Amino acid sequence: MGTSLRKTMNFAERQVMRETIVTIIALLVLALLSFNSAAQEKKKSKFQEVYTGTIYSMNGGGFSTGFNLSISGYTSDEEANRYLGILAEGNQEAVLKEIKDLDLGRLSATGHVGRYLLVVRKSQMPDGNTRIVAVFERWQRIREVRGGYRSTDYPFGIMEIIVNAKGKGSGTFIAACKIDLKRDKKSGKYQLELENFGTYPHKVMGVMLRK
């Protein structure tokens, strides 16, 4: 009888242990699912808007490449005016030093390492379309930097896209750009001047809003 009781108690203990293990496993699975869900939600919410399209070269050869323009934030009017003030008092190198560590998104092109967006401006046009201008520190080749070529005076890359209410449109891409402020002879006011290193800016085609 004593032996039977011990067997019964051992069986009961084993049942409790099994139930405990099952409960722990269930809790771990739920925790893992919650973690993955939170991580996915965080990943999804990183970028406010994502545009895709094709950059088409206008400088001969018909070169084209796909791109992703992923925007996580925009530059305010106050910040933009402050950057213009830095440019007015100094030069484009001073502006680049001020903004080079910013991260307002990414521009990724096929075959190139993605670049952080340093300035992103968004505005509504009179015809109802939306204009977005994204500025980044452009891709530079090692040979270009070591050789001290004139192209190094053009440190910025700029993409401008104009899209309709459905997020479709086109634009312009300047692969190497120099920025400066020039005084208008008639009005006396300073205007931002963009100088492209190359014959023509590239076309941006087939723009679509993905998010």
C-alpha atoms as a PDB file:
ATOM      1  CA  MET A   1       0.000   0.000   0.000  1.00  0.00           C
ATOM      2  CA  GLY A   2       2.891   2.351   0.883  1.00  0.00           C
ATOM      3  CA  THR A   3       4.534   1.566  -2.427  1.00  0.00           C
ATOM      4  CA  SER A   4       1.273   2.289  -4.299  1.00  0.00           C
ATOM      5  CA  LEU A   5       0.942   5.646  -2.501  1.00  0.00           C
ATOM      6  CA  ARG A   6       4.493   6.668  -3.405  1.00  0.00           C
ATOM      7  CA  LYS A   7       3.846   5.754  -7.049  1.00  0.00           C
ATOM      8  CA  THR A   8       0.650   7.807  -6.985  1.00  0.00           C
ATOM      9  CA  MET A   9       2.437  10.816  -5.502  1.00  0.00           C
ATOM     10  CA  ASN A  10       5.278  10.530  -8.007  1.00  0.00           C
ATOM     11  CA  PHE A  11       2.778  10.443 -10.827  1.00  0.00           C
ATOM     12  CA  ALA A  12       1.024  13.533  -9.431  1.00  0.00           C
ATOM     13  CA  GLU A  13       4.327  15.346  -9.080  1.00  0.00           C
ATOM     14  CA  ARG A  14       5.231  14.471 -12.653  1.00  0.00           C
ATOM     15  CA  GLN A  15       1.891  15.817 -13.840  1.00  0.00           C
ATOM     16  CA  VAL A  16       2.452  19.105 -12.007  1.00  0.00           C
ATOM     17  CA  MET A  17       5.957  19.324 -13.473  1.00  0.00           C
ATOM     18  CA  ARG A  18       4.653  18.689 -16.978  1.00  0.00           C
ATOM     19  CA  GLU A  19       1.984  21.353 -16.568  1.00  0.00           C
ATOM     20  CA  THR A  20       4.561  23.796 -15.211  1.00  0.00           C
ATOM     21  CA  ILE A  21       6.904  23.165 -18.140  1.00  0.00           C
ATOM     22  CA  VAL A  22       4.049  23.565 -20.632  1.00  0.00           C
ATOM     23  CA  THR A  23       3.044  26.832 -18.954  1.00  0.00           C
ATOM     24  CA  ILE A  24       6.631  28.174 -19.071  1.00  0.00           C
ATOM     25  CA  ILE A  25       6.980  27.222 -22.741  1.00  0.00           C
ATOM     26  CA  ALA A  26       3.676  28.918 -23.550  1.00  0.00           C
ATOM     27  CA  LEU A  27       4.781  32.077 -21.755  1.00  0.00           C
ATOM     28  CA  LEU A  28       8.122  32.047 -23.596  1.00  0.00           C
ATOM     29  CA  VAL A  29       6.354  31.639 -26.952  1.00  0.00           C
ATOM     30  CA  LEU A  30       4.001  34.520 -26.147  1.00  0.00           C
ATOM     31  CA  ALA A  31       6.927  36.695 -25.060  1.00  0.00           C
ATOM     32  CA  LEU A  32       8.807  35.869 -28.258  1.00  0.00           C
ATOM     33  CA  LEU A  33       5.780  36.636 -30.404  1.00  0.00           C
ATOM     34  CA  SER A  34       5.266  39.940 -28.593  1.00  0.00           C
ATOM     35  CA  PHE A  35       8.941  40.840 -29.067  1.00  0.00           C
ATOM     36  CA  ASN A  36       8.837  40.015 -32.787  1.00  0.00           C
ATOM     37  CA  SER A  37       5.605  41.943 -33.197  1.00  0.00           C
ATOM     38  CA  ALA A  38       7.067  44.993 -31.447  1.00  0.00           C
ATOM     39  CA  ALA A  39      10.271  44.756 -33.523  1.00  0.00           C
ATOM     40  CA  GLN A  40       8.294  44.506 -36.751  1.00  0.00           C
ATOM     41  CA  GLU A  41       6.110  47.428 -35.744  1.00  0.00           C
ATOM     42  CA  LYS A  42       9.203  49.495 -34.936  1.00  0.00           C
ATOM     43  CA  LYS A  43      10.728  48.554 -38.290  1.00  0.00           C
ATOM     44  CA  LYS A  44       7.544  49.466 -40.123  1.00  0.00           C
ATOM     45  CA  SER A  45       7.249  52.843 -38.416  1.00  0.00           C
ATOM     46  CA  LYS A  46      10.843  53.944 -39.029  1.00  0.00           C
ATOM     47  CA  PHE A  47      10.078  55.654 -42.344  1.00  0.00           C
ATOM     48  CA  GLN A  48       7.149  57.999 -42.870  1.00  0.00           C
ATOM     49  CA  GLU A  49       7.273  57.693 -46.646  1.00  0.00           C
ATOM     50  CA  VAL A  50       9.085  55.438 -49.116  1.00  0.00           C
ATOM     51  CA  TYR A  51       9.332  56.254 -52.830  1.00  0.00           C
ATOM     52  CA  THR A  52      10.791  54.113 -55.598  1.00  0.00           C
ATOM     53  CA  GLY A  53      11.667  54.922 -59.183  1.00  0.00           C
ATOM     54  CA  THR A  54      14.420  55.034 -61.797  1.00  0.00           C
ATOM     55  CA  ILE A  55      17.282  57.485 -62.282  1.00  0.00           C
ATOM     56  CA  TYR A  56      17.980  57.951 -65.990  1.00  0.00           C
ATOM     57  CA  SER A  57      21.250  59.597 -67.087  1.00  0.00           C
ATOM     58  CA  MET A  58      21.023  62.446 -69.586  1.00  0.00           C
ATOM     59  CA  ASN A  59      24.789  62.583 -70.172  1.00  0.00           C
ATOM     60  CA  GLY A  60      25.078  59.921 -72.853  1.00  0.00           C
ATOM     61  CA  GLY A  61      25.020  56.148 -72.725  1.00  0.00           C
ATOM     62  CA  GLY A  62      21.442  55.839 -71.534  1.00  0.00           C
ATOM     63  CA  PHE A  63      22.490  54.626 -68.083  1.00  0.00           C
ATOM     64  CA  SER A  64      19.669  53.973 -65.636  1.00  0.00           C
ATOM     65  CA  THR A  65      19.366  52.599 -62.104  1.00  0.00           C
ATOM     66  CA  GLY A  66      16.584  51.957 -59.625  1.00  0.00           C
ATOM     67  CA  PHE A  67      16.373  53.784 -56.314  1.00  0.00           C
ATOM     68  CA  ASN A  68      14.583  53.846 -52.968  1.00  0.00           C
ATOM     69  CA  LEU A  69      13.975  57.184 -51.263  1.00  0.00           C
ATOM     70  CA  SER A  70      13.021  56.413 -47.658  1.00  0.00           C
ATOM     71  CA  ILE A  71      12.083  59.442 -45.548  1.00  0.00           C
ATOM     72  CA  SER A  72      11.916  59.376 -41.751  1.00  0.00           C
ATOM     73  CA  GLY A  73      11.687  63.128 -41.100  1.00  0.00           C
ATOM     74  CA  TYR A  74      11.632  66.601 -42.634  1.00  0.00           C
ATOM     75  CA  THR A  75      13.698  69.750 -42.203  1.00  0.00           C
ATOM     76  CA  SER A  76      11.712  72.581 -40.615  1.00  0.00           C
ATOM     77  CA  ASP A  77      11.626  76.157 -41.941  1.00  0.00           C
ATOM     78  CA  GLU A  78      13.624  77.262 -38.911  1.00  0.00           C
ATOM     79  CA  GLU A  79      16.351  74.705 -39.561  1.00  0.00           C
ATOM     80  CA  ALA A  80      16.474  75.492 -43.283  1.00  0.00           C
ATOM     81  CA  ASN A  81      16.896  79.211 -42.571  1.00  0.00           C
ATOM     82  CA  ARG A  82      19.652  78.449 -40.073  1.00  0.00           C
ATOM     83  CA  TYR A  83      21.545  76.433 -42.703  1.00  0.00           C
ATOM     84  CA  LEU A  84      21.161  79.296 -45.176  1.00  0.00           C
ATOM     85  CA  GLY A  85      22.559  81.629 -42.534  1.00  0.00           C
ATOM     86  CA  ILE A  86      25.603  79.382 -42.135  1.00  0.00           C
ATOM     87  CA  LEU A  87      26.063  79.383 -45.904  1.00  0.00           C
ATOM     88  CA  ALA A  88      25.773  83.193 -46.051  1.00  0.00           C
ATOM     89  CA  GLU A  89      28.367  83.694 -43.323  1.00  0.00           C
ATOM     90  CA  GLY A  90      30.681  80.889 -44.417  1.00  0.00           C
ATOM     91  CA  ASN A  91      30.623  78.379 -47.263  1.00  0.00           C
ATOM     92  CA  GLN A  92      29.211  75.004 -48.272  1.00  0.00           C
ATOM     93  CA  GLU A  93      31.864  73.162 -46.245  1.00  0.00           C
ATOM     94  CA  ALA A  94      30.541  74.865 -43.091  1.00  0.00           C
ATOM     95  CA  VAL A  95      27.006  73.746 -43.966  1.00  0.00           C
ATOM     96  CA  LEU A  96      28.132  70.176 -44.591  1.00  0.00           C
ATOM     97  CA  LYS A  97      29.961  70.111 -41.255  1.00  0.00           C
ATOM     98  CA  GLU A  98      26.760  71.240 -39.538  1.00  0.00           C
ATOM     99  CA  ILE A  99      24.445  68.659 -41.130  1.00  0.00           C
ATOM    100  CA  LYS A 100      26.658  65.670 -42.017  1.00  0.00           C
ATOM    101  CA  ASP A 101      25.653  63.615 -38.943  1.00  0.00           C
ATOM    102  CA  LEU A 102      21.902  64.027 -39.445  1.00  0.00           C
ATOM    103  CA  ASP A 103      19.676  61.114 -40.422  1.00  0.00           C
ATOM    104  CA  LEU A 104      16.334  61.979 -42.022  1.00  0.00           C
ATOM    105  CA  GLY A 105      16.157  58.778 -44.051  1.00  0.00           C
ATOM    106  CA  ARG A 106      18.064  56.971 -46.767  1.00  0.00           C
ATOM    107  CA  LEU A 107      18.601  57.146 -50.503  1.00  0.00           C
ATOM    108  CA  SER A 108      19.627  53.783 -51.911  1.00  0.00           C
ATOM    109  CA  ALA A 109      20.496  53.187 -55.559  1.00  0.00           C
ATOM    110  CA  THR A 110      21.273  49.880 -57.233  1.00  0.00           C
ATOM    111  CA  GLY A 111      24.995  49.145 -57.020  1.00  0.00           C
ATOM    112  CA  HIS A 112      25.720  51.899 -54.500  1.00  0.00           C
ATOM    113  CA  VAL A 113      25.875  52.071 -50.713  1.00  0.00           C
ATOM    114  CA  GLY A 114      22.872  53.947 -49.329  1.00  0.00           C
ATOM    115  CA  ARG A 115      23.364  57.540 -48.187  1.00  0.00           C
ATOM    116  CA  TYR A 116      21.787  59.270 -45.188  1.00  0.00           C
ATOM    117  CA  LEU A 117      19.460  62.146 -45.998  1.00  0.00           C
ATOM    118  CA  LEU A 118      20.738  65.353 -44.400  1.00  0.00           C
ATOM    119  CA  VAL A 119      18.072  67.825 -45.495  1.00  0.00           C
ATOM    120  CA  VAL A 120      14.551  66.965 -46.680  1.00  0.00           C
ATOM    121  CA  ARG A 121      12.059  69.664 -47.627  1.00  0.00           C
ATOM    122  CA  LYS A 122       8.414  69.159 -48.565  1.00  0.00           C
ATOM    123  CA  SER A 123       6.042  71.735 -50.039  1.00  0.00           C
ATOM    124  CA  GLN A 124       2.712  71.976 -51.824  1.00  0.00           C
ATOM    125  CA  MET A 125       2.695  73.411 -55.329  1.00  0.00           C
ATOM    126  CA  PRO A 126      -0.024  75.680 -56.806  1.00  0.00           C
ATOM    127  CA  ASP A 127      -1.284  72.833 -59.018  1.00  0.00           C
ATOM    128  CA  GLY A 128      -1.878  70.595 -55.979  1.00  0.00           C
ATOM    129  CA  ASN A 129       1.176  68.385 -56.498  1.00  0.00           C
ATOM    130  CA  THR A 130       3.762  67.785 -53.771  1.00  0.00           C
ATOM    131  CA  ARG A 131       7.435  68.710 -54.166  1.00  0.00           C
ATOM    132  CA  ILE A 132      10.087  66.895 -52.140  1.00  0.00           C
ATOM    133  CA  VAL A 133      13.774  67.822 -52.174  1.00  0.00           C
ATOM    134  CA  ALA A 134      16.275  65.505 -50.472  1.00  0.00           C
ATOM    135  CA  VAL A 135      19.940  66.416 -49.935  1.00  0.00           C
ATOM    136  CA  PHE A 136      22.727  63.979 -49.037  1.00  0.00           C
ATOM    137  CA  GLU A 137      26.510  63.831 -48.981  1.00  0.00           C
ATOM    138  CA  ARG A 138      27.209  62.319 -52.354  1.00  0.00           C
ATOM    139  CA  TRP A 139      29.122  59.186 -53.277  1.00  0.00           C
ATOM    140  CA  GLN A 140      32.823  59.912 -53.912  1.00  0.00           C
ATOM    141  CA  ARG A 141      35.363  57.473 -55.302  1.00  0.00           C
ATOM    142  CA  ILE A 142      38.666  56.936 -53.488  1.00  0.00           C
ATOM    143  CA  ARG A 143      40.583  57.871 -56.649  1.00  0.00           C
ATOM    144  CA  GLU A 144      38.623  61.090 -56.867  1.00  0.00           C
ATOM    145  CA  VAL A 145      39.434  62.095 -53.283  1.00  0.00           C
ATOM    146  CA  ARG A 146      43.102  61.104 -53.446  1.00  0.00           C
ATOM    147  CA  GLY A 147      43.605  62.871 -56.752  1.00  0.00           C
ATOM    148  CA  GLY A 148      42.088  66.115 -55.488  1.00  0.00           C
ATOM    149  CA  TYR A 149      39.962  66.409 -58.611  1.00  0.00           C
ATOM    150  CA  ARG A 150      37.702  69.414 -59.201  1.00  0.00           C
ATOM    151  CA  SER A 151      34.668  67.188 -58.644  1.00  0.00           C
ATOM    152  CA  THR A 152      35.432  67.164 -54.905  1.00  0.00           C
ATOM    153  CA  ASP A 153      34.210  70.778 -54.859  1.00  0.00           C
ATOM    154  CA  TYR A 154      30.740  69.312 -55.458  1.00  0.00           C
ATOM    155  CA  PRO A 155      30.057  67.436 -52.186  1.00  0.00           C
ATOM    156  CA  PHE A 156      26.273  67.189 -52.310  1.00  0.00           C
ATOM    157  CA  GLY A 157      23.784  65.019 -54.112  1.00  0.00           C
ATOM    158  CA  ILE A 158      20.212  66.269 -54.564  1.00  0.00           C
ATOM    159  CA  MET A 159      17.015  64.527 -55.584  1.00  0.00           C
ATOM    160  CA  GLU A 160      13.842  66.449 -56.364  1.00  0.00           C
ATOM    161  CA  ILE A 161      10.582  64.633 -56.995  1.00  0.00           C
ATOM    162  CA  ILE A 162       7.139  66.022 -57.777  1.00  0.00           C
ATOM    163  CA  VAL A 163       4.231  63.672 -57.133  1.00  0.00           C
ATOM    164  CA  ASN A 164       0.466  63.857 -57.450  1.00  0.00           C
ATOM    165  CA  ALA A 165      -2.151  62.936 -54.854  1.00  0.00           C
ATOM    166  CA  LYS A 166      -1.604  59.236 -55.591  1.00  0.00           C
ATOM    167  CA  GLY A 167       2.142  59.493 -54.979  1.00  0.00           C
ATOM    168  CA  LYS A 168       3.122  59.111 -58.630  1.00  0.00           C
ATOM    169  CA  GLY A 169       5.395  61.455 -60.532  1.00  0.00           C
ATOM    170  CA  SER A 170       8.880  62.304 -61.759  1.00  0.00           C
ATOM    171  CA  GLY A 171      11.777  64.558 -60.916  1.00  0.00           C
ATOM    172  CA  THR A 172      15.436  65.485 -61.207  1.00  0.00           C
ATOM    173  CA  PHE A 173      18.624  64.043 -59.734  1.00  0.00           C
ATOM    174  CA  ILE A 174      21.903  65.952 -59.387  1.00  0.00           C
ATOM    175  CA  ALA A 175      24.667  63.469 -58.640  1.00  0.00           C
ATOM    176  CA  ALA A 176      27.310  66.092 -57.782  1.00  0.00           C
ATOM    177  CA  CYS A 177      26.273  69.553 -56.687  1.00  0.00           C
ATOM    178  CA  LYS A 178      27.867  72.728 -55.335  1.00  0.00           C
ATOM    179  CA  ILE A 179      25.739  75.176 -53.351  1.00  0.00           C
ATOM    180  CA  ASP A 180      26.198  78.915 -52.865  1.00  0.00           C
ATOM    181  CA  LEU A 181      24.264  82.102 -52.150  1.00  0.00           C
ATOM    182  CA  LYS A 182      24.217  84.726 -54.880  1.00  0.00           C
ATOM    183  CA  ARG A 183      22.839  88.260 -54.608  1.00  0.00           C
ATOM    184  CA  ASP A 184      20.215  89.083 -57.206  1.00  0.00           C
ATOM    185  CA  LYS A 185      21.279  92.283 -59.005  1.00  0.00           C
ATOM    186  CA  LYS A 186      17.702  93.541 -59.373  1.00  0.00           C
ATOM    187  CA  SER A 187      16.163  92.697 -56.011  1.00  0.00           C
ATOM    188  CA  GLY A 188      19.349  92.762 -53.945  1.00  0.00           C
ATOM    189  CA  LYS A 189      18.190  89.588 -52.193  1.00  0.00           C
ATOM    190  CA  TYR A 190      20.269  86.468 -51.803  1.00  0.00           C
ATOM    191  CA  GLN A 191      19.178  83.356 -53.675  1.00  0.00           C
ATOM    192  CA  LEU A 192      20.354  79.778 -53.290  1.00  0.00           C
ATOM    193  CA  GLU A 193      22.336  78.692 -56.344  1.00  0.00           C
ATOM    194  CA  LEU A 194      22.898  75.050 -57.280  1.00  0.00           C
ATOM    195  CA  GLU A 195      25.710  74.182 -59.666  1.00  0.00           C
ATOM    196  CA  ASN A 196      25.739  70.740 -61.262  1.00  0.00           C
ATOM    197  CA  PHE A 197      29.037  68.985 -62.039  1.00  0.00           C
ATOM    198  CA  GLY A 198      28.185  67.603 -65.453  1.00  0.00           C
ATOM    199  CA  THR A 199      26.330  68.501 -68.602  1.00  0.00           C
ATOM    200  CA  TYR A 200      22.772  67.874 -67.446  1.00  0.00           C
ATOM    201  CA  PRO A 201      21.031  66.726 -64.267  1.00  0.00           C
ATOM    202  CA  HIS A 202      19.612  63.196 -64.482  1.00  0.00           C
ATOM    203  CA  LYS A 203      15.920  62.490 -64.930  1.00  0.00           C
ATOM    204  CA  VAL A 204      13.929  60.711 -62.238  1.00  0.00           C
ATOM    205  CA  MET A 205      11.142  58.623 -63.734  1.00  0.00           C
ATOM    206  CA  GLY A 206       8.391  56.286 -62.634  1.00  0.00           C
ATOM    207  CA  VAL A 207       8.230  57.594 -59.056  1.00  0.00           C
ATOM    208  CA  MET A 208       5.747  55.720 -56.876  1.00  0.00           C
ATOM    209  CA  LEU A 209       4.826  56.062 -53.221  1.00  0.00           C
ATOM    210  CA  ARG A 210       5.192  52.646 -51.586  1.00  0.00           C
ATOM    211  CA  LYS A 211       4.255  53.668 -48.055  1.00  0.00           C
END
